[in-house]
């Protein structure tokens, strides 16, 4: 697991108050919403704000690619890495 993946997983846990989970419990390739981690639209907003604040990047909520970026930890890591470069 890369440092960025671990950082994102810990951010998800902290931002959403998932105290009964550890980073190891979150599969990087599993969907964050629906059948995967089971996050909902409120969680998406909170996570988006936490990512913007933590990584200092801008997320355009109106972008049609946002759902794709938030699909999994893997896709979030790719998005964040791209934004930071």
Protein backbone atom coordinates (compact mmCIF):
# COMPACT_ATOMS: atom_id res chain seq x y z
CA UNK A 1 0.00 0.00 0.00
CA UNK A 2 1.44 3.37 -0.99
CA UNK A 3 1.79 6.21 1.48
CA UNK A 4 -0.86 8.19 -0.43
CA UNK A 5 -3.32 5.29 -0.28
CA UNK A 6 -2.75 4.96 3.47
CA UNK A 7 -3.14 8.71 3.94
CA UNK A 8 -6.45 8.68 2.01
CA UNK A 9 -7.77 5.69 3.97
CA UNK A 10 -6.93 7.35 7.28
CA UNK A 11 -8.52 10.58 6.08
CA UNK A 12 -11.72 8.69 5.19
CA UNK A 13 -11.78 7.10 8.64
CA UNK A 14 -11.13 10.38 10.46
CA UNK A 15 -13.36 12.63 8.34
CA UNK A 16 -16.34 10.28 8.48
CA UNK A 17 -15.90 9.07 12.05
CA UNK A 18 -15.47 5.42 11.09
CA UNK A 19 -13.90 4.60 14.43
CA UNK A 20 -14.50 0.87 14.18
CA UNK A 21 -12.39 0.61 10.99
CA UNK A 22 -8.68 0.62 10.22
CA UNK A 23 -6.92 1.44 6.97
CA UNK A 24 -6.40 -2.30 6.45
CA UNK A 25 -10.19 -2.78 6.44
CA UNK A 26 -10.58 -0.59 3.34
CA UNK A 27 -9.87 -2.28 0.02
CA UNK A 28 -8.20 0.25 -2.30
CA UNK A 29 -10.03 -1.10 -5.34
CA UNK A 30 -13.46 -1.52 -3.73
CA UNK A 31 -16.20 1.04 -4.42
CA UNK A 32 -16.51 3.72 -1.76
CA UNK A 33 -20.25 4.07 -2.37
CA UNK A 34 -23.03 1.50 -2.56
CA UNK A 35 -21.97 -2.07 -2.01
CA UNK A 36 -18.33 -1.29 -1.23
CA UNK A 37 -17.65 0.85 1.81
CA UNK A 38 -21.28 1.96 1.80
CA UNK A 39 -20.78 5.72 1.84
CA UNK A 40 -23.67 8.03 0.91
CA UNK A 41 -24.04 11.53 -0.58
CA UNK A 42 -23.53 13.29 2.78
CA UNK A 43 -20.33 11.29 3.26
CA UNK A 44 -19.24 12.36 -0.24
CA UNK A 45 -19.60 16.03 0.68
CA UNK A 46 -17.71 15.62 3.94
CA UNK A 47 -14.98 13.59 2.28
CA UNK A 48 -14.66 16.09 -0.55
CA UNK A 49 -14.18 18.95 1.91
CA UNK A 50 -11.68 16.95 3.95
CA UNK A 51 -9.65 16.10 0.83
CA UNK A 52 -9.63 19.72 -0.32
CA UNK A 53 -8.47 20.92 3.10
CA UNK A 54 -5.94 18.13 3.75
CA UNK A 55 -4.30 18.07 0.33
CA UNK A 56 -4.86 21.71 -0.62
CA UNK A 57 -6.51 20.89 -3.92
CA UNK A 58 -9.68 22.18 -5.56
CA UNK A 59 -12.46 19.77 -6.46
CA UNK A 60 -15.00 21.02 -8.97
CA UNK A 61 -18.29 19.53 -7.71
CA UNK A 62 -19.93 20.32 -11.05
CA UNK A 63 -17.39 18.32 -13.01
CA UNK A 64 -18.83 15.16 -14.53
CA UNK A 65 -15.59 13.35 -13.62
CA UNK A 66 -16.04 13.81 -9.85
CA UNK A 67 -17.98 10.58 -9.42
CA UNK A 68 -15.28 8.71 -11.27
CA UNK A 69 -12.55 10.22 -9.06
CA UNK A 70 -14.44 9.25 -5.90
CA UNK A 71 -15.16 5.69 -7.06
CA UNK A 72 -12.44 4.05 -4.93
CA UNK A 73 -9.31 4.79 -2.94
CA UNK A 74 -7.28 3.90 -6.05
CA UNK A 75 -9.11 6.46 -8.19
CA UNK A 76 -8.87 9.11 -5.46
CA UNK A 77 -5.12 8.50 -5.18
CA UNK A 78 -4.70 8.91 -8.94
CA UNK A 79 -6.78 12.10 -8.89
CA UNK A 80 -4.87 13.61 -5.96
CA UNK A 81 -1.49 12.66 -7.42
CA UNK A 82 -2.49 14.26 -10.73
CA UNK A 83 -3.69 17.45 -9.03
CA UNK A 84 -0.52 17.76 -6.95
CA UNK A 85 1.75 17.49 -10.03
